[in-house]
Amino acid sequence: MNKCKFFAMVALLSVCILCSAAAKEKEVIYQPYELDKLIHEIDEPCAPIVTEDYIIFTASVDLRSVGIAFDFENFQTIHPFQILMKVDADGNKTPVHMFYCYERKHKIQTIKYRMIMDGLWTTDPLNPNKEYDDSVNLYFSKVDNLGKIYEYTEKTKDDAIRFIYKGETGLNLHLAGTFTNWDPWIYTLEETSPGFYELSLPLPTGKYYYNYYIGLTPVLDNTNPEKAYTIDGRSASVIVVD
């Protein structure tokens, strides 16, 4: 990274972080249930917590404002932390920790990052894993050995549906649904790694019911929690294309 460019960017973002973080802390931001539960189980600031879906960064509530910037965004975006408040039986609020949740959508093994704490760029004091970059004479905090992110059936950026199945290796796995009139012989999923099957299929806007098939035996999509019963009484997975 060019040293002059990096420090110019640091100066600009440092000016923005205080007002940005203050605004974010006042927002009521609703988290998915599983993430919200995980955040509330953190009793005090700690080293980054890594799950299949998220990396949770925390900081002390003694700080006025905290932000975080990542290498995969070239440190050009500062993500402000929020404050977790616990409420007792009398309605009294107590701050527990500040936090930022990164949703793991990038297929990367290592994340380097820096924090801004009360307007000053620094490494994460709760994370002992650091790396020195002599091109800018700075230490960067690291989270590495992340492993594979959780993958599931979903719409892709090129407007296709990427169907995913996880199971035994060596299966001859087919896909059928309302988009094939339940013909199980048109589409076959490819086993791209042991026990991991996938198929990308462009579908027009609509709501679709589908199953995977091993021979003529239907198998629900074990990466998609959306399930339903079709008119003819079969159990099926559901995907909506909008």
C-alpha atoms as a PDB file:
ATOM      1  CA  MET A   1       0.000   0.000   0.000  1.00  0.00           C
ATOM      2  CA  ASN A   2       1.348   3.481  -0.881  1.00  0.00           C
ATOM      3  CA  LYS A   3       2.357   5.179   2.385  1.00  0.00           C
ATOM      4  CA  CYS A   4       1.266   8.732   1.428  1.00  0.00           C
ATOM      5  CA  LYS A   5      -2.080   7.509   0.134  1.00  0.00           C
ATOM      6  CA  PHE A   6      -2.672   5.468   3.289  1.00  0.00           C
ATOM      7  CA  PHE A   7      -2.002   8.345   5.691  1.00  0.00           C
ATOM      8  CA  ALA A   8      -4.070  10.814   3.633  1.00  0.00           C
ATOM      9  CA  MET A   9      -6.957   8.386   3.802  1.00  0.00           C
ATOM     10  CA  VAL A  10      -6.422   7.936   7.550  1.00  0.00           C
ATOM     11  CA  ALA A  11      -6.652  11.682   8.138  1.00  0.00           C
ATOM     12  CA  LEU A  12      -9.898  11.999   6.175  1.00  0.00           C
ATOM     13  CA  LEU A  13     -11.586   9.006   7.794  1.00  0.00           C
ATOM     14  CA  SER A  14     -10.521  10.057  11.278  1.00  0.00           C
ATOM     15  CA  VAL A  15     -12.459  13.295  10.877  1.00  0.00           C
ATOM     16  CA  CYS A  16     -15.586  11.368   9.842  1.00  0.00           C
ATOM     17  CA  ILE A  17     -15.578   8.615  12.429  1.00  0.00           C
ATOM     18  CA  LEU A  18     -16.719  10.583  15.495  1.00  0.00           C
ATOM     19  CA  CYS A  19     -19.960  11.889  14.009  1.00  0.00           C
ATOM     20  CA  SER A  20     -20.596   8.657  12.103  1.00  0.00           C
ATOM     21  CA  ALA A  21     -20.178   6.451  15.162  1.00  0.00           C
ATOM     22  CA  ALA A  22     -22.274   8.727  17.346  1.00  0.00           C
ATOM     23  CA  ALA A  23     -25.124   8.586  14.854  1.00  0.00           C
ATOM     24  CA  LYS A  24     -24.958   4.808  14.620  1.00  0.00           C
ATOM     25  CA  GLU A  25     -24.942   4.323  18.372  1.00  0.00           C
ATOM     26  CA  LYS A  26     -28.314   6.075  18.603  1.00  0.00           C
ATOM     27  CA  GLU A  27     -29.939   3.903  15.968  1.00  0.00           C
ATOM     28  CA  VAL A  28     -32.085   0.926  16.914  1.00  0.00           C
ATOM     29  CA  ILE A  29     -30.703  -1.817  14.692  1.00  0.00           C
ATOM     30  CA  TYR A  30     -32.421  -5.169  14.850  1.00  0.00           C
ATOM     31  CA  GLN A  31     -30.158  -8.212  14.444  1.00  0.00           C
ATOM     32  CA  PRO A  32     -31.159 -11.702  13.291  1.00  0.00           C
ATOM     33  CA  TYR A  33     -32.191 -13.790  16.309  1.00  0.00           C
ATOM     34  CA  GLU A  34     -29.151 -16.123  16.319  1.00  0.00           C
ATOM     35  CA  LEU A  35     -26.756 -13.185  16.042  1.00  0.00           C
ATOM     36  CA  ASP A  36     -28.596 -11.202  18.714  1.00  0.00           C
ATOM     37  CA  LYS A  37     -28.423 -14.194  21.060  1.00  0.00           C
ATOM     38  CA  LEU A  38     -24.693 -14.570  20.426  1.00  0.00           C
ATOM     39  CA  ILE A  39     -24.022 -10.876  21.094  1.00  0.00           C
ATOM     40  CA  HIS A  40     -25.938 -10.996  24.384  1.00  0.00           C
ATOM     41  CA  GLU A  41     -23.907 -14.012  25.521  1.00  0.00           C
ATOM     42  CA  ILE A  42     -20.723 -11.909  25.446  1.00  0.00           C
ATOM     43  CA  ASP A  43     -20.332 -10.659  29.036  1.00  0.00           C
ATOM     44  CA  GLU A  44     -17.342  -8.387  28.457  1.00  0.00           C
ATOM     45  CA  PRO A  45     -15.073  -7.129  25.664  1.00  0.00           C
ATOM     46  CA  CYS A  46     -12.892  -9.914  24.297  1.00  0.00           C
ATOM     47  CA  ALA A  47     -10.849 -11.110  21.322  1.00  0.00           C
ATOM     48  CA  PRO A  48     -12.792 -11.504  18.038  1.00  0.00           C
ATOM     49  CA  ILE A  49     -15.373 -14.293  18.101  1.00  0.00           C
ATOM     50  CA  VAL A  50     -15.592 -16.297  14.871  1.00  0.00           C
ATOM     51  CA  THR A  51     -18.639 -18.327  13.800  1.00  0.00           C
ATOM     52  CA  GLU A  52     -19.636 -19.811  10.446  1.00  0.00           C
ATOM     53  CA  ASP A  53     -21.627 -16.682   9.630  1.00  0.00           C
ATOM     54  CA  TYR A  54     -20.061 -13.802  11.564  1.00  0.00           C
ATOM     55  CA  ILE A  55     -16.972 -12.334  13.166  1.00  0.00           C
ATOM     56  CA  ILE A  56     -17.848 -10.258  16.227  1.00  0.00           C
ATOM     57  CA  PHE A  57     -15.420  -7.535  17.293  1.00  0.00           C
ATOM     58  CA  THR A  58     -15.841  -5.917  20.713  1.00  0.00           C
ATOM     59  CA  ALA A  59     -14.490  -2.928  22.623  1.00  0.00           C
ATOM     60  CA  SER A  60     -14.791  -1.294  26.034  1.00  0.00           C
ATOM     61  CA  VAL A  61     -17.719   1.016  26.790  1.00  0.00           C
ATOM     62  CA  ASP A  62     -15.214   3.394  28.398  1.00  0.00           C
ATOM     63  CA  LEU A  63     -14.487   4.620  24.872  1.00  0.00           C
ATOM     64  CA  ARG A  64     -16.614   7.368  23.320  1.00  0.00           C
ATOM     65  CA  SER A  65     -16.516   5.980  19.783  1.00  0.00           C
ATOM     66  CA  VAL A  66     -15.006   2.990  17.999  1.00  0.00           C
ATOM     67  CA  GLY A  67     -14.806   2.079  14.329  1.00  0.00           C
ATOM     68  CA  ILE A  68     -13.152  -0.683  12.329  1.00  0.00           C
ATOM     69  CA  ALA A  69     -11.677  -0.779   8.806  1.00  0.00           C
ATOM     70  CA  PHE A  70     -10.699  -3.873   6.792  1.00  0.00           C
ATOM     71  CA  ASP A  71      -7.978  -4.695   4.295  1.00  0.00           C
ATOM     72  CA  PHE A  72     -10.428  -6.204   1.773  1.00  0.00           C
ATOM     73  CA  GLU A  73     -12.053  -2.749   1.553  1.00  0.00           C
ATOM     74  CA  ASN A  74      -8.627  -1.071   1.311  1.00  0.00           C
ATOM     75  CA  PHE A  75      -9.375   0.561   4.680  1.00  0.00           C
ATOM     76  CA  GLN A  76     -11.649   3.030   2.886  1.00  0.00           C
ATOM     77  CA  THR A  77     -14.771   2.321   4.954  1.00  0.00           C
ATOM     78  CA  ILE A  78     -15.043   2.708   8.706  1.00  0.00           C
ATOM     79  CA  HIS A  79     -17.755   0.576  10.267  1.00  0.00           C
ATOM     80  CA  PRO A  80     -18.982   2.084  13.563  1.00  0.00           C
ATOM     81  CA  PHE A  81     -19.510  -0.019  16.666  1.00  0.00           C
ATOM     82  CA  GLN A  82     -22.805  -0.199  18.533  1.00  0.00           C
ATOM     83  CA  ILE A  83     -23.338  -0.441  22.299  1.00  0.00           C
ATOM     84  CA  LEU A  84     -24.930  -3.491  23.887  1.00  0.00           C
ATOM     85  CA  MET A  85     -27.173  -2.438  26.779  1.00  0.00           C
ATOM     86  CA  LYS A  86     -28.532  -4.848  29.365  1.00  0.00           C
ATOM     87  CA  VAL A  87     -31.789  -3.929  31.083  1.00  0.00           C
ATOM     88  CA  ASP A  88     -32.595  -5.115  34.614  1.00  0.00           C
ATOM     89  CA  ALA A  89     -36.030  -5.842  36.099  1.00  0.00           C
ATOM     90  CA  ASP A  90     -36.482  -2.168  37.014  1.00  0.00           C
ATOM     91  CA  GLY A  91     -35.722  -0.995  33.494  1.00  0.00           C
ATOM     92  CA  ASN A  92     -32.269   0.335  34.341  1.00  0.00           C
ATOM     93  CA  LYS A  93     -29.819   0.138  31.446  1.00  0.00           C
ATOM     94  CA  THR A  94     -26.191  -0.870  31.863  1.00  0.00           C
ATOM     95  CA  PRO A  95     -23.685  -0.773  28.984  1.00  0.00           C
ATOM     96  CA  VAL A  96     -21.896  -4.113  28.566  1.00  0.00           C
ATOM     97  CA  HIS A  97     -19.609  -3.714  25.576  1.00  0.00           C
ATOM     98  CA  MET A  98     -19.341  -2.091  22.175  1.00  0.00           C
ATOM     99  CA  PHE A  99     -19.478  -4.389  19.171  1.00  0.00           C
ATOM    100  CA  TYR A 100     -19.364  -4.697  15.405  1.00  0.00           C
ATOM    101  CA  CYS A 101     -20.561  -7.796  13.545  1.00  0.00           C
ATOM    102  CA  TYR A 102     -18.959  -8.613  10.214  1.00  0.00           C
ATOM    103  CA  GLU A 103     -21.102 -10.949   8.134  1.00  0.00           C
ATOM    104  CA  ARG A 104     -18.832 -13.459   6.430  1.00  0.00           C
ATOM    105  CA  LYS A 105     -19.619 -13.051   2.744  1.00  0.00           C
ATOM    106  CA  HIS A 106     -16.035 -12.873   1.481  1.00  0.00           C
ATOM    107  CA  LYS A 107     -14.273 -16.183   0.851  1.00  0.00           C
ATOM    108  CA  ILE A 108     -11.031 -15.236   2.540  1.00  0.00           C
ATOM    109  CA  GLN A 109      -8.836 -17.057   5.028  1.00  0.00           C
ATOM    110  CA  THR A 110      -7.286 -14.016   6.739  1.00  0.00           C
ATOM    111  CA  ILE A 111      -8.656 -10.580   7.614  1.00  0.00           C
ATOM    112  CA  LYS A 112      -6.389  -7.676   8.516  1.00  0.00           C
ATOM    113  CA  TYR A 113      -7.934  -4.661  10.173  1.00  0.00           C
ATOM    114  CA  ARG A 114      -7.338  -1.525  12.206  1.00  0.00           C
ATOM    115  CA  MET A 115      -9.565   0.309  14.643  1.00  0.00           C
ATOM    116  CA  ILE A 116     -10.260   3.946  15.381  1.00  0.00           C
ATOM    117  CA  MET A 117     -10.761   4.503  19.096  1.00  0.00           C
ATOM    118  CA  ASP A 118     -11.796   8.005  20.136  1.00  0.00           C
ATOM    119  CA  GLY A 119     -10.404   9.340  16.870  1.00  0.00           C
ATOM    120  CA  LEU A 120      -7.049   7.536  16.990  1.00  0.00           C
ATOM    121  CA  TRP A 121      -6.068   4.719  14.631  1.00  0.00           C
ATOM    122  CA  THR A 122      -4.749   1.677  16.480  1.00  0.00           C
ATOM    123  CA  THR A 123      -4.623  -2.103  16.511  1.00  0.00           C
ATOM    124  CA  ASP A 124      -7.241  -4.108  18.391  1.00  0.00           C
ATOM    125  CA  PRO A 125      -6.045  -4.143  22.035  1.00  0.00           C
ATOM    126  CA  LEU A 126      -8.082  -7.306  22.669  1.00  0.00           C
ATOM    127  CA  ASN A 127      -6.526  -9.288  19.819  1.00  0.00           C
ATOM    128  CA  PRO A 128      -2.904 -10.394  20.347  1.00  0.00           C
ATOM    129  CA  ASN A 129      -2.622 -11.546  16.722  1.00  0.00           C
ATOM    130  CA  LYS A 130      -0.846  -8.707  14.880  1.00  0.00           C
ATOM    131  CA  GLU A 131       1.316  -8.309  11.798  1.00  0.00           C
ATOM    132  CA  TYR A 132       3.783  -5.538  10.948  1.00  0.00           C
ATOM    133  CA  ASP A 133       3.656  -3.952   7.488  1.00  0.00           C
ATOM    134  CA  ASP A 134       6.961  -2.201   6.819  1.00  0.00           C
ATOM    135  CA  SER A 135       5.580  -0.457   3.714  1.00  0.00           C
ATOM    136  CA  VAL A 136       3.517   1.825   5.985  1.00  0.00           C
ATOM    137  CA  ASN A 137       5.378   1.242   9.278  1.00  0.00           C
ATOM    138  CA  LEU A 138       2.238   0.042  11.027  1.00  0.00           C
ATOM    139  CA  TYR A 139       0.929  -2.990  12.845  1.00  0.00           C
ATOM    140  CA  PHE A 140      -2.343  -4.528  11.678  1.00  0.00           C
ATOM    141  CA  SER A 141      -4.575  -6.802  13.722  1.00  0.00           C
ATOM    142  CA  LYS A 142      -5.382 -10.165  12.141  1.00  0.00           C
ATOM    143  CA  VAL A 143      -8.021 -12.847  12.261  1.00  0.00           C
ATOM    144  CA  ASP A 144      -6.776 -15.886  10.358  1.00  0.00           C
ATOM    145  CA  ASN A 145      -7.390 -19.588   9.794  1.00  0.00           C
ATOM    146  CA  LEU A 146     -11.015 -18.691   9.182  1.00  0.00           C
ATOM    147  CA  GLY A 147     -11.848 -21.839   7.271  1.00  0.00           C
ATOM    148  CA  LYS A 148     -14.708 -22.144   4.840  1.00  0.00           C
ATOM    149  CA  ILE A 149     -17.695 -19.855   5.291  1.00  0.00           C
ATOM    150  CA  TYR A 150     -21.165 -21.311   5.640  1.00  0.00           C
ATOM    151  CA  GLU A 151     -22.690 -21.751   2.199  1.00  0.00           C
ATOM    152  CA  TYR A 152     -26.353 -22.247   1.429  1.00  0.00           C
ATOM    153  CA  THR A 153     -28.830 -22.123  -1.444  1.00  0.00           C
ATOM    154  CA  GLU A 154     -29.295 -18.498  -2.462  1.00  0.00           C
ATOM    155  CA  LYS A 155     -29.544 -16.024  -5.328  1.00  0.00           C
ATOM    156  CA  THR A 156     -26.205 -14.998  -6.822  1.00  0.00           C
ATOM    157  CA  LYS A 157     -25.067 -11.670  -8.235  1.00  0.00           C
ATOM    158  CA  ASP A 158     -25.675 -12.870 -11.812  1.00  0.00           C
ATOM    159  CA  ASP A 159     -29.369 -13.494 -11.000  1.00  0.00           C
ATOM    160  CA  ALA A 160     -29.074 -17.271 -10.854  1.00  0.00           C
ATOM    161  CA  ILE A 161     -29.979 -19.548  -7.955  1.00  0.00           C
ATOM    162  CA  ARG A 162     -27.015 -21.476  -6.592  1.00  0.00           C
ATOM    163  CA  PHE A 163     -28.451 -24.705  -5.215  1.00  0.00           C
ATOM    164  CA  ILE A 164     -26.355 -26.305  -2.455  1.00  0.00           C
ATOM    165  CA  TYR A 165     -26.523 -29.705  -0.777  1.00  0.00           C
ATOM    166  CA  LYS A 166     -24.230 -31.122   1.933  1.00  0.00           C
ATOM    167  CA  GLY A 167     -24.164 -34.846   2.575  1.00  0.00           C
ATOM    168  CA  GLU A 168     -22.326 -38.074   1.868  1.00  0.00           C
ATOM    169  CA  THR A 169     -19.738 -38.158  -0.863  1.00  0.00           C
ATOM    170  CA  GLY A 170     -20.360 -40.013  -4.124  1.00  0.00           C
ATOM    171  CA  LEU A 171     -24.079 -39.282  -4.467  1.00  0.00           C
ATOM    172  CA  ASN A 172     -25.798 -39.069  -7.841  1.00  0.00           C
ATOM    173  CA  LEU A 173     -27.902 -36.057  -6.880  1.00  0.00           C
ATOM    174  CA  HIS A 174     -30.565 -34.458  -9.076  1.00  0.00           C
ATOM    175  CA  LEU A 175     -32.713 -31.339  -8.748  1.00  0.00           C
ATOM    176  CA  ALA A 176     -36.425 -31.106  -9.514  1.00  0.00           C
ATOM    177  CA  GLY A 177     -39.205 -28.704  -8.665  1.00  0.00           C
ATOM    178  CA  THR A 178     -42.084 -26.668  -9.968  1.00  0.00           C
ATOM    179  CA  PHE A 179     -39.654 -25.220 -12.538  1.00  0.00           C
ATOM    180  CA  THR A 180     -39.149 -28.715 -14.063  1.00  0.00           C
ATOM    181  CA  ASN A 181     -42.689 -29.996 -13.487  1.00  0.00           C
ATOM    182  CA  TRP A 182     -40.996 -32.245 -10.888  1.00  0.00           C
ATOM    183  CA  ASP A 183     -38.972 -34.108 -13.504  1.00  0.00           C
ATOM    184  CA  PRO A 184     -35.915 -35.362 -11.525  1.00  0.00           C
ATOM    185  CA  TRP A 185     -33.727 -36.168 -14.526  1.00  0.00           C
ATOM    186  CA  ILE A 186     -33.131 -32.733 -16.062  1.00  0.00           C
ATOM    187  CA  TYR A 187     -30.593 -31.215 -13.661  1.00  0.00           C
ATOM    188  CA  THR A 188     -27.691 -32.903 -11.851  1.00  0.00           C
ATOM    189  CA  LEU A 189     -25.697 -31.299  -9.047  1.00  0.00           C
ATOM    190  CA  GLU A 190     -21.902 -31.473  -9.258  1.00  0.00           C
ATOM    191  CA  GLU A 191     -19.857 -32.637  -6.279  1.00  0.00           C
ATOM    192  CA  THR A 192     -17.260 -29.852  -6.183  1.00  0.00           C
ATOM    193  CA  SER A 193     -15.651 -31.019  -2.916  1.00  0.00           C
ATOM    194  CA  PRO A 194     -16.214 -34.142  -0.795  1.00  0.00           C
ATOM    195  CA  GLY A 195     -19.871 -34.153   0.256  1.00  0.00           C
ATOM    196  CA  PHE A 196     -20.530 -30.670  -1.166  1.00  0.00           C
ATOM    197  CA  TYR A 197     -22.851 -30.450  -4.191  1.00  0.00           C
ATOM    198  CA  GLU A 198     -23.881 -27.397  -6.184  1.00  0.00           C
ATOM    199  CA  LEU A 199     -25.699 -26.251  -9.298  1.00  0.00           C
ATOM    200  CA  SER A 200     -26.335 -22.725 -10.612  1.00  0.00           C
ATOM    201  CA  LEU A 201     -29.616 -22.274 -12.426  1.00  0.00           C
ATOM    202  CA  PRO A 202     -31.150 -19.043 -13.793  1.00  0.00           C
ATOM    203  CA  LEU A 203     -34.822 -18.747 -12.838  1.00  0.00           C
ATOM    204  CA  PRO A 204     -37.352 -16.004 -13.603  1.00  0.00           C
ATOM    205  CA  THR A 205     -39.116 -14.065 -10.866  1.00  0.00           C
ATOM    206  CA  GLY A 206     -41.424 -16.237  -8.800  1.00  0.00           C
ATOM    207  CA  LYS A 207     -41.840 -18.624  -5.889  1.00  0.00           C
ATOM    208  CA  TYR A 208     -40.590 -22.161  -6.446  1.00  0.00           C
ATOM    209  CA  TYR A 209     -40.886 -25.478  -4.627  1.00  0.00           C
ATOM    210  CA  TYR A 210     -38.101 -28.012  -5.100  1.00  0.00           C
ATOM    211  CA  ASN A 211     -36.347 -31.095  -3.778  1.00  0.00           C
ATOM    212  CA  TYR A 212     -33.153 -32.947  -4.489  1.00  0.00           C
ATOM    213  CA  TYR A 213     -33.439 -36.547  -5.642  1.00  0.00           C
ATOM    214  CA  ILE A 214     -31.303 -39.614  -5.107  1.00  0.00           C
ATOM    215  CA  GLY A 215     -32.848 -41.840  -7.731  1.00  0.00           C
ATOM    216  CA  LEU A 216     -36.570 -41.323  -7.165  1.00  0.00           C
ATOM    217  CA  THR A 217     -36.203 -40.544  -3.451  1.00  0.00           C
ATOM    218  CA  PRO A 218     -36.819 -36.862  -2.607  1.00  0.00           C
ATOM    219  CA  VAL A 219     -34.406 -35.130  -0.225  1.00  0.00           C
ATOM    220  CA  LEU A 220     -35.023 -31.707   1.313  1.00  0.00           C
ATOM    221  CA  ASP A 221     -32.415 -28.965   0.925  1.00  0.00           C
ATOM    222  CA  ASN A 222     -30.507 -29.122   4.224  1.00  0.00           C
ATOM    223  CA  THR A 223     -29.060 -25.611   3.745  1.00  0.00           C
ATOM    224  CA  ASN A 224     -32.439 -23.910   3.275  1.00  0.00           C
ATOM    225  CA  PRO A 225     -34.734 -23.569   6.326  1.00  0.00           C
ATOM    226  CA  GLU A 226     -37.719 -22.540   4.194  1.00  0.00           C
ATOM    227  CA  LYS A 227     -39.989 -25.591   3.858  1.00  0.00           C
ATOM    228  CA  ALA A 228     -43.615 -26.125   2.845  1.00  0.00           C
ATOM    229  CA  TYR A 229     -46.154 -28.711   1.775  1.00  0.00           C
ATOM    230  CA  THR A 230     -47.201 -28.631  -1.870  1.00  0.00           C
ATOM    231  CA  ILE A 231     -50.809 -28.976  -3.037  1.00  0.00           C
ATOM    232  CA  ASP A 232     -50.286 -32.690  -3.643  1.00  0.00           C
ATOM    233  CA  GLY A 233     -49.005 -33.166  -0.065  1.00  0.00           C
ATOM    234  CA  ARG A 234     -45.261 -33.543  -0.581  1.00  0.00           C
ATOM    235  CA  SER A 235     -42.669 -31.811   1.606  1.00  0.00           C
ATOM    236  CA  ALA A 236     -40.532 -29.395  -0.361  1.00  0.00           C
ATOM    237  CA  SER A 237     -37.947 -26.677   0.039  1.00  0.00           C
ATOM    238  CA  VAL A 238     -38.950 -23.165  -1.040  1.00  0.00           C
ATOM    239  CA  ILE A 239     -37.009 -20.437  -2.835  1.00  0.00           C
ATOM    240  CA  VAL A 240     -38.292 -17.010  -3.889  1.00  0.00           C
ATOM    241  CA  VAL A 241     -36.746 -15.104  -6.804  1.00  0.00           C
ATOM    242  CA  ASP A 242     -37.542 -11.389  -6.806  1.00  0.00           C
END
